[in-house]
Amino acid sequence: MSAFFKRGERNGTQYYMLECRTCEGKARRAAYHSGPQVRALQNMYVMETRVKKVFPASWRGSIVKEGAALLLAGKECFYCKTPVTDQWSFCLDHHVPLALGGVHALDNLRMCCEPCNRAKHDMPPEDFKRWMDALIWRLAWLRAQ
């Protein structure tokens, strides 16, 4: 029974999964990679779980389906305008960071590429715009040298 894991307990009766941990993991991975809709929903569930745990004051209600639709409909990065080629190198970013008082709502989410999301981190939108402009100017100056 060690390969199987307990799913729950009710009235003193323990309920176990019918598959071992390995088979359960394989089934979950197969479901995750089965289609873009499932993957987008999973990404939104993970985001919402983290928001509820780390920033409970910014929580305004579940937007899993709407956020997944936004992720699937995006055509380019909001910040650098890189077009979408690989859907999963893009993610949703809180335009006004939760750490700075932003809310977890659909109108505060922007689709962006991973490099922009990592670079922005918890910068206010105005500071990030200035940083991007300085970076573009610096790259142009280096190419001219």
N, C-alpha and C. Protein backbone atom coordinates (compact mmCIF):
# COMPACT_ATOMS: atom_id res chain seq x y z
N MET A 1 0.81 -1.20 0.00
CA MET A 1 0.00 0.00 0.00
C MET A 1 0.86 1.26 0.00
N SER A 2 2.19 1.14 0.12
CA SER A 2 3.03 2.33 0.20
C SER A 2 3.11 3.08 -1.13
N ALA A 3 2.93 2.39 -2.26
CA ALA A 3 2.99 3.07 -3.55
C ALA A 3 1.73 3.88 -3.80
N PHE A 4 0.66 3.60 -3.10
CA PHE A 4 -0.58 4.33 -3.25
C PHE A 4 -0.67 5.37 -2.14
N PHE A 5 -1.34 6.47 -2.40
CA PHE A 5 -1.38 7.51 -1.39
C PHE A 5 -2.82 7.77 -0.96
N LYS A 6 -2.94 8.19 0.29
CA LYS A 6 -4.25 8.42 0.89
C LYS A 6 -4.86 9.68 0.31
N ARG A 7 -6.07 9.61 -0.16
CA ARG A 7 -6.77 10.75 -0.74
C ARG A 7 -7.59 11.48 0.32
N GLY A 8 -8.05 10.77 1.32
CA GLY A 8 -8.85 11.42 2.34
C GLY A 8 -9.33 10.43 3.39
N GLU A 9 -10.05 10.95 4.35
CA GLU A 9 -10.58 10.11 5.40
C GLU A 9 -11.94 10.65 5.81
N ARG A 10 -12.92 9.76 5.91
CA ARG A 10 -14.25 10.17 6.30
C ARG A 10 -14.84 9.12 7.23
N ASN A 11 -15.30 9.54 8.40
CA ASN A 11 -15.90 8.66 9.40
C ASN A 11 -14.97 7.49 9.75
N GLY A 12 -13.68 7.77 9.85
CA GLY A 12 -12.74 6.73 10.21
C GLY A 12 -12.32 5.83 9.07
N THR A 13 -12.90 6.01 7.88
CA THR A 13 -12.53 5.19 6.73
C THR A 13 -11.57 5.96 5.84
N GLN A 14 -10.45 5.33 5.48
CA GLN A 14 -9.46 5.98 4.64
C GLN A 14 -9.73 5.65 3.18
N TYR A 15 -9.57 6.65 2.32
CA TYR A 15 -9.77 6.48 0.89
C TYR A 15 -8.42 6.60 0.19
N TYR A 16 -8.09 5.62 -0.62
CA TYR A 16 -6.83 5.61 -1.34
C TYR A 16 -7.09 5.75 -2.84
N MET A 17 -6.08 6.29 -3.52
CA MET A 17 -6.16 6.39 -4.98
C MET A 17 -6.05 4.99 -5.58
N LEU A 18 -6.62 4.80 -6.75
CA LEU A 18 -6.55 3.51 -7.41
C LEU A 18 -5.29 3.37 -8.25
N GLU A 19 -4.52 4.46 -8.37
CA GLU A 19 -3.27 4.41 -9.13
C GLU A 19 -2.11 4.73 -8.19
N CYS A 20 -0.93 4.26 -8.56
CA CYS A 20 0.25 4.59 -7.76
C CYS A 20 0.68 6.03 -8.05
N ARG A 21 1.61 6.54 -7.28
CA ARG A 21 2.08 7.92 -7.46
C ARG A 21 2.66 8.15 -8.85
N THR A 22 3.37 7.18 -9.36
CA THR A 22 3.98 7.32 -10.68
C THR A 22 2.92 7.46 -11.76
N CYS A 23 1.92 6.60 -11.72
CA CYS A 23 0.84 6.66 -12.72
C CYS A 23 0.02 7.94 -12.59
N GLU A 24 -0.22 8.38 -11.37
CA GLU A 24 -0.96 9.62 -11.13
C GLU A 24 -0.18 10.81 -11.70
N GLY A 25 1.14 10.83 -11.48
CA GLY A 25 1.98 11.90 -12.01
C GLY A 25 1.98 11.91 -13.52
N LYS A 26 2.07 10.75 -14.14
CA LYS A 26 2.05 10.65 -15.60
C LYS A 26 0.72 11.15 -16.16
N ALA A 27 -0.37 10.80 -15.50
CA ALA A 27 -1.69 11.24 -15.95
C ALA A 27 -1.83 12.75 -15.85
N ARG A 28 -1.31 13.34 -14.78
CA ARG A 28 -1.39 14.80 -14.62
C ARG A 28 -0.54 15.52 -15.66
N ARG A 29 0.67 15.00 -15.93
CA ARG A 29 1.52 15.61 -16.95
C ARG A 29 0.89 15.50 -18.33
N ALA A 30 0.28 14.36 -18.63
CA ALA A 30 -0.38 14.18 -19.92
C ALA A 30 -1.55 15.15 -20.07
N ALA A 31 -2.30 15.36 -18.99
CA ALA A 31 -3.42 16.30 -19.05
C ALA A 31 -2.90 17.72 -19.23
N TYR A 32 -1.79 18.06 -18.57
CA TYR A 32 -1.23 19.42 -18.68
C TYR A 32 -0.77 19.72 -20.10
N HIS A 33 -0.20 18.73 -20.77
CA HIS A 33 0.31 18.94 -22.12
C HIS A 33 -0.71 18.58 -23.20
N SER A 34 -1.94 18.28 -22.81
CA SER A 34 -2.93 17.83 -23.79
C SER A 34 -3.45 18.96 -24.67
N GLY A 35 -3.44 20.17 -24.19
CA GLY A 35 -3.95 21.26 -25.01
C GLY A 35 -3.67 22.61 -24.38
N PRO A 36 -3.69 23.65 -25.18
CA PRO A 36 -3.39 24.98 -24.66
C PRO A 36 -4.40 25.48 -23.63
N GLN A 37 -5.67 25.12 -23.78
CA GLN A 37 -6.67 25.59 -22.82
C GLN A 37 -6.39 25.03 -21.43
N VAL A 38 -6.08 23.74 -21.36
CA VAL A 38 -5.80 23.10 -20.07
C VAL A 38 -4.57 23.73 -19.44
N ARG A 39 -3.57 23.98 -20.24
CA ARG A 39 -2.32 24.56 -19.74
C ARG A 39 -2.54 26.00 -19.25
N ALA A 40 -3.30 26.77 -19.98
CA ALA A 40 -3.57 28.15 -19.57
C ALA A 40 -4.37 28.17 -18.27
N LEU A 41 -5.35 27.30 -18.15
CA LEU A 41 -6.12 27.21 -16.90
C LEU A 41 -5.23 26.82 -15.73
N GLN A 42 -4.34 25.85 -15.96
CA GLN A 42 -3.43 25.42 -14.89
C GLN A 42 -2.53 26.57 -14.46
N ASN A 43 -2.00 27.32 -15.42
CA ASN A 43 -1.15 28.47 -15.08
C ASN A 43 -1.92 29.50 -14.26
N MET A 44 -3.17 29.74 -14.59
CA MET A 44 -3.98 30.70 -13.83
C MET A 44 -4.29 30.19 -12.43
N TYR A 45 -4.57 28.89 -12.29
CA TYR A 45 -4.81 28.33 -10.96
C TYR A 45 -3.59 28.50 -10.07
N VAL A 46 -2.41 28.26 -10.64
CA VAL A 46 -1.17 28.41 -9.87
C VAL A 46 -0.99 29.87 -9.46
N MET A 47 -1.23 30.80 -10.40
CA MET A 47 -1.09 32.22 -10.09
C MET A 47 -2.05 32.62 -8.97
N GLU A 48 -3.30 32.21 -9.08
CA GLU A 48 -4.29 32.59 -8.07
C GLU A 48 -3.99 32.00 -6.70
N THR A 49 -3.49 30.78 -6.68
CA THR A 49 -3.14 30.15 -5.40
C THR A 49 -2.05 30.95 -4.71
N ARG A 50 -1.05 31.38 -5.49
CA ARG A 50 0.05 32.17 -4.92
C ARG A 50 -0.44 33.54 -4.45
N VAL A 51 -1.29 34.17 -5.26
CA VAL A 51 -1.80 35.50 -4.89
C VAL A 51 -2.58 35.41 -3.58
N LYS A 52 -3.45 34.42 -3.45
CA LYS A 52 -4.25 34.28 -2.23
C LYS A 52 -3.38 34.05 -1.00
N LYS A 53 -2.27 33.32 -1.20
CA LYS A 53 -1.41 32.99 -0.07
C LYS A 53 -0.48 34.15 0.30
N VAL A 54 0.15 34.78 -0.69
CA VAL A 54 1.17 35.79 -0.42
C VAL A 54 0.60 37.20 -0.30
N PHE A 55 -0.41 37.52 -1.11
CA PHE A 55 -1.00 38.87 -1.11
C PHE A 55 -2.51 38.80 -0.89
N PRO A 56 -2.97 38.36 0.26
CA PRO A 56 -4.41 38.20 0.46
C PRO A 56 -5.19 39.51 0.36
N ALA A 57 -4.56 40.65 0.64
CA ALA A 57 -5.27 41.92 0.58
C ALA A 57 -5.58 42.34 -0.85
N SER A 58 -4.83 41.83 -1.82
CA SER A 58 -5.05 42.21 -3.22
C SER A 58 -6.07 41.31 -3.91
N TRP A 59 -6.52 40.27 -3.24
CA TRP A 59 -7.43 39.30 -3.83
C TRP A 59 -8.81 39.91 -4.02
N ARG A 60 -9.35 39.85 -5.25
CA ARG A 60 -10.67 40.41 -5.54
C ARG A 60 -11.64 39.38 -6.09
N GLY A 61 -11.26 38.12 -6.10
CA GLY A 61 -12.13 37.07 -6.62
C GLY A 61 -11.44 36.30 -7.73
N SER A 62 -11.99 35.16 -8.04
CA SER A 62 -11.38 34.28 -9.03
C SER A 62 -11.57 34.80 -10.46
N ILE A 63 -10.49 34.83 -11.22
CA ILE A 63 -10.54 35.23 -12.63
C ILE A 63 -9.80 34.20 -13.48
N VAL A 64 -9.90 32.93 -13.09
CA VAL A 64 -9.16 31.87 -13.77
C VAL A 64 -9.54 31.79 -15.25
N LYS A 65 -10.82 31.67 -15.54
CA LYS A 65 -11.25 31.49 -16.94
C LYS A 65 -10.95 32.73 -17.78
N GLU A 66 -11.18 33.90 -17.24
CA GLU A 66 -10.94 35.14 -17.98
C GLU A 66 -9.44 35.34 -18.22
N GLY A 67 -8.62 35.03 -17.22
CA GLY A 67 -7.17 35.16 -17.36
C GLY A 67 -6.61 34.17 -18.37
N ALA A 68 -7.14 32.94 -18.36
CA ALA A 68 -6.70 31.94 -19.34
C ALA A 68 -7.06 32.38 -20.76
N ALA A 69 -8.25 32.96 -20.92
CA ALA A 69 -8.65 33.47 -22.24
C ALA A 69 -7.74 34.61 -22.68
N LEU A 70 -7.37 35.48 -21.75
CA LEU A 70 -6.45 36.58 -22.06
C LEU A 70 -5.09 36.05 -22.48
N LEU A 71 -4.60 35.03 -21.80
CA LEU A 71 -3.32 34.43 -22.13
C LEU A 71 -3.35 33.77 -23.51
N LEU A 72 -4.45 33.12 -23.83
CA LEU A 72 -4.56 32.44 -25.13
C LEU A 72 -4.77 33.42 -26.29
N ALA A 73 -5.36 34.58 -26.01
CA ALA A 73 -5.68 35.54 -27.07
C ALA A 73 -4.56 36.52 -27.36
N GLY A 74 -3.54 36.56 -26.50
CA GLY A 74 -2.47 37.54 -26.66
C GLY A 74 -1.67 37.34 -27.94
N LYS A 75 -1.27 38.45 -28.55
CA LYS A 75 -0.51 38.41 -29.80
C LYS A 75 0.92 38.92 -29.64
N GLU A 76 1.17 39.76 -28.62
CA GLU A 76 2.51 40.32 -28.43
C GLU A 76 2.71 40.73 -26.98
N CYS A 77 3.98 40.91 -26.62
CA CYS A 77 4.33 41.37 -25.28
C CYS A 77 3.85 42.81 -25.10
N PHE A 78 3.24 43.10 -23.99
CA PHE A 78 2.73 44.43 -23.71
C PHE A 78 3.85 45.45 -23.62
N TYR A 79 5.02 45.05 -23.13
CA TYR A 79 6.11 45.98 -22.88
C TYR A 79 7.06 46.14 -24.07
N CYS A 80 7.56 45.04 -24.64
CA CYS A 80 8.56 45.14 -25.70
C CYS A 80 8.00 44.86 -27.09
N LYS A 81 6.74 44.51 -27.18
CA LYS A 81 6.04 44.26 -28.45
C LYS A 81 6.60 43.07 -29.22
N THR A 82 7.26 42.13 -28.55
CA THR A 82 7.72 40.90 -29.19
C THR A 82 6.50 40.06 -29.56
N PRO A 83 6.39 39.63 -30.84
CA PRO A 83 5.22 38.82 -31.22
C PRO A 83 5.29 37.42 -30.61
N VAL A 84 4.12 36.85 -30.40
CA VAL A 84 4.03 35.51 -29.83
C VAL A 84 4.42 34.49 -30.89
N THR A 85 5.47 33.72 -30.62
CA THR A 85 5.83 32.60 -31.48
C THR A 85 5.61 31.30 -30.72
N ASP A 86 6.10 31.25 -29.50
CA ASP A 86 5.88 30.11 -28.62
C ASP A 86 4.98 30.59 -27.49
N GLN A 87 3.74 30.13 -27.46
CA GLN A 87 2.74 30.59 -26.51
C GLN A 87 3.22 30.49 -25.06
N TRP A 88 4.08 29.53 -24.74
CA TRP A 88 4.42 29.28 -23.34
C TRP A 88 5.69 29.99 -22.90
N SER A 89 6.25 30.83 -23.78
CA SER A 89 7.32 31.71 -23.30
C SER A 89 6.71 33.03 -22.84
N PHE A 90 5.38 33.11 -22.85
CA PHE A 90 4.65 34.30 -22.42
C PHE A 90 3.86 33.99 -21.15
N CYS A 91 3.59 35.03 -20.37
CA CYS A 91 2.85 34.85 -19.12
C CYS A 91 2.05 36.12 -18.85
N LEU A 92 1.30 36.10 -17.79
CA LEU A 92 0.54 37.27 -17.38
C LEU A 92 1.27 37.98 -16.26
N ASP A 93 1.28 39.29 -16.33
CA ASP A 93 1.98 40.12 -15.36
C ASP A 93 0.99 41.10 -14.75
N HIS A 94 1.14 41.37 -13.46
CA HIS A 94 0.33 42.40 -12.81
C HIS A 94 0.97 43.74 -13.16
N HIS A 95 0.26 44.56 -13.94
CA HIS A 95 0.79 45.84 -14.41
C HIS A 95 1.21 46.72 -13.24
N VAL A 96 0.32 46.90 -12.29
CA VAL A 96 0.68 47.54 -11.02
C VAL A 96 0.96 46.39 -10.06
N PRO A 97 2.21 46.22 -9.64
CA PRO A 97 2.57 45.05 -8.84
C PRO A 97 1.76 44.92 -7.56
N LEU A 98 1.50 43.68 -7.18
CA LEU A 98 0.74 43.42 -5.96
C LEU A 98 1.50 43.94 -4.75
N ALA A 99 2.82 43.89 -4.80
CA ALA A 99 3.64 44.37 -3.68
C ALA A 99 3.52 45.87 -3.49
N LEU A 100 3.09 46.59 -4.53
CA LEU A 100 2.94 48.04 -4.44
C LEU A 100 1.48 48.46 -4.36
N GLY A 101 0.60 47.55 -4.01
CA GLY A 101 -0.80 47.89 -3.82
C GLY A 101 -1.71 47.57 -4.99
N GLY A 102 -1.20 46.93 -6.02
CA GLY A 102 -2.04 46.52 -7.15
C GLY A 102 -3.02 45.44 -6.73
N VAL A 103 -4.03 45.23 -7.54
CA VAL A 103 -5.04 44.21 -7.22
C VAL A 103 -4.97 43.09 -8.25
N HIS A 104 -5.42 41.93 -7.83
CA HIS A 104 -5.48 40.79 -8.73
C HIS A 104 -6.82 40.83 -9.44
N ALA A 105 -6.86 41.62 -10.51
CA ALA A 105 -8.08 41.78 -11.30
C ALA A 105 -7.70 41.76 -12.78
N LEU A 106 -8.67 41.47 -13.62
CA LEU A 106 -8.42 41.31 -15.05
C LEU A 106 -7.85 42.58 -15.68
N ASP A 107 -8.31 43.73 -15.25
CA ASP A 107 -7.82 44.98 -15.86
C ASP A 107 -6.40 45.34 -15.40
N ASN A 108 -5.83 44.61 -14.45
CA ASN A 108 -4.46 44.83 -14.02
C ASN A 108 -3.50 43.80 -14.59
N LEU A 109 -3.99 42.85 -15.38
CA LEU A 109 -3.14 41.81 -15.97
C LEU A 109 -2.74 42.20 -17.38
N ARG A 110 -1.47 41.97 -17.71
CA ARG A 110 -0.96 42.22 -19.05
C ARG A 110 -0.18 40.99 -19.49
N MET A 111 -0.29 40.63 -20.78
CA MET A 111 0.49 39.53 -21.31
C MET A 111 1.88 40.05 -21.65
N CYS A 112 2.90 39.36 -21.17
CA CYS A 112 4.26 39.79 -21.46
C CYS A 112 5.17 38.58 -21.61
N CYS A 113 6.34 38.81 -22.20
CA CYS A 113 7.31 37.73 -22.38
C CYS A 113 8.05 37.51 -21.05
N GLU A 114 8.66 36.35 -20.93
CA GLU A 114 9.39 36.01 -19.70
C GLU A 114 10.50 37.01 -19.37
N PRO A 115 11.33 37.43 -20.36
CA PRO A 115 12.38 38.40 -19.99
C PRO A 115 11.83 39.70 -19.43
N CYS A 116 10.75 40.22 -20.01
CA CYS A 116 10.15 41.45 -19.48
C CYS A 116 9.55 41.23 -18.10
N ASN A 117 8.91 40.10 -17.89
CA ASN A 117 8.30 39.82 -16.60
C ASN A 117 9.37 39.71 -15.52
N ARG A 118 10.47 39.05 -15.84
CA ARG A 118 11.56 38.91 -14.86
C ARG A 118 12.24 40.25 -14.60
N ALA A 119 12.43 41.06 -15.65
CA ALA A 119 13.09 42.35 -15.48
C ALA A 119 12.22 43.33 -14.70
N LYS A 120 10.91 43.30 -14.94
CA LYS A 120 10.00 44.23 -14.27
C LYS A 120 9.90 43.93 -12.79
N HIS A 121 9.82 42.66 -12.46
CA HIS A 121 9.70 42.19 -11.08
C HIS A 121 8.62 42.97 -10.33
N ASP A 122 8.97 43.89 -9.45
CA ASP A 122 7.95 44.66 -8.73
C ASP A 122 8.13 46.16 -8.94
N MET A 123 8.64 46.53 -10.13
CA MET A 123 8.78 47.96 -10.46
C MET A 123 7.43 48.55 -10.81
N PRO A 124 7.21 49.80 -10.46
CA PRO A 124 6.00 50.47 -10.96
C PRO A 124 6.08 50.59 -12.49
N PRO A 125 4.95 50.65 -13.18
CA PRO A 125 4.96 50.71 -14.64
C PRO A 125 5.77 51.87 -15.20
N GLU A 126 5.72 53.03 -14.56
CA GLU A 126 6.45 54.20 -15.06
C GLU A 126 7.96 53.98 -14.97
N ASP A 127 8.43 53.41 -13.85
CA ASP A 127 9.86 53.14 -13.69
C ASP A 127 10.34 52.09 -14.70
N PHE A 128 9.51 51.09 -14.94
CA PHE A 128 9.91 50.06 -15.90
C PHE A 128 9.97 50.63 -17.31
N LYS A 129 9.06 51.52 -17.66
CA LYS A 129 9.09 52.16 -18.98
C LYS A 129 10.37 52.96 -19.15
N ARG A 130 10.75 53.74 -18.13
CA ARG A 130 12.01 54.49 -18.18
C ARG A 130 13.21 53.56 -18.31
N TRP A 131 13.19 52.45 -17.58
CA TRP A 131 14.28 51.48 -17.63
C TRP A 131 14.38 50.87 -19.03
N MET A 132 13.23 50.51 -19.62
CA MET A 132 13.23 49.95 -20.98
C MET A 132 13.76 50.97 -21.99
N ASP A 133 13.34 52.23 -21.89
CA ASP A 133 13.82 53.27 -22.81
C ASP A 133 15.34 53.44 -22.69
N ALA A 134 15.86 53.44 -21.47
CA ALA A 134 17.30 53.56 -21.26
C ALA A 134 18.04 52.35 -21.82
N LEU A 135 17.45 51.18 -21.67
CA LEU A 135 18.07 49.97 -22.19
C LEU A 135 18.12 50.00 -23.72
N ILE A 136 17.04 50.41 -24.35
CA ILE A 136 16.99 50.50 -25.81
C ILE A 136 18.01 51.53 -26.32
N TRP A 137 18.10 52.67 -25.63
CA TRP A 137 19.07 53.69 -26.02
C TRP A 137 20.48 53.16 -25.87
N ARG A 138 20.76 52.45 -24.77
CA ARG A 138 22.10 51.89 -24.53
C ARG A 138 22.46 50.85 -25.58
N LEU A 139 21.53 49.98 -25.95
CA LEU A 139 21.79 48.97 -26.98
C LEU A 139 22.08 49.63 -28.33
N ALA A 140 21.33 50.66 -28.67
CA ALA A 140 21.55 51.37 -29.92
C ALA A 140 22.92 52.04 -29.91
N TRP A 141 23.32 52.60 -28.79
CA TRP A 141 24.63 53.25 -28.66
C TRP A 141 25.76 52.22 -28.81
N LEU A 142 25.57 51.03 -28.19
CA LEU A 142 26.60 49.99 -28.28
C LEU A 142 26.73 49.46 -29.71
N ARG A 143 25.62 49.32 -30.41
CA ARG A 143 25.67 48.85 -31.81
C ARG A 143 26.35 49.86 -32.73
N ALA A 144 26.23 51.13 -32.40
CA ALA A 144 26.85 52.18 -33.23
C ALA A 144 28.36 52.22 -33.03
N GLN A 145 28.85 51.69 -31.92
CA GLN A 145 30.30 51.72 -31.65
C GLN A 145 31.08 50.77 -32.52
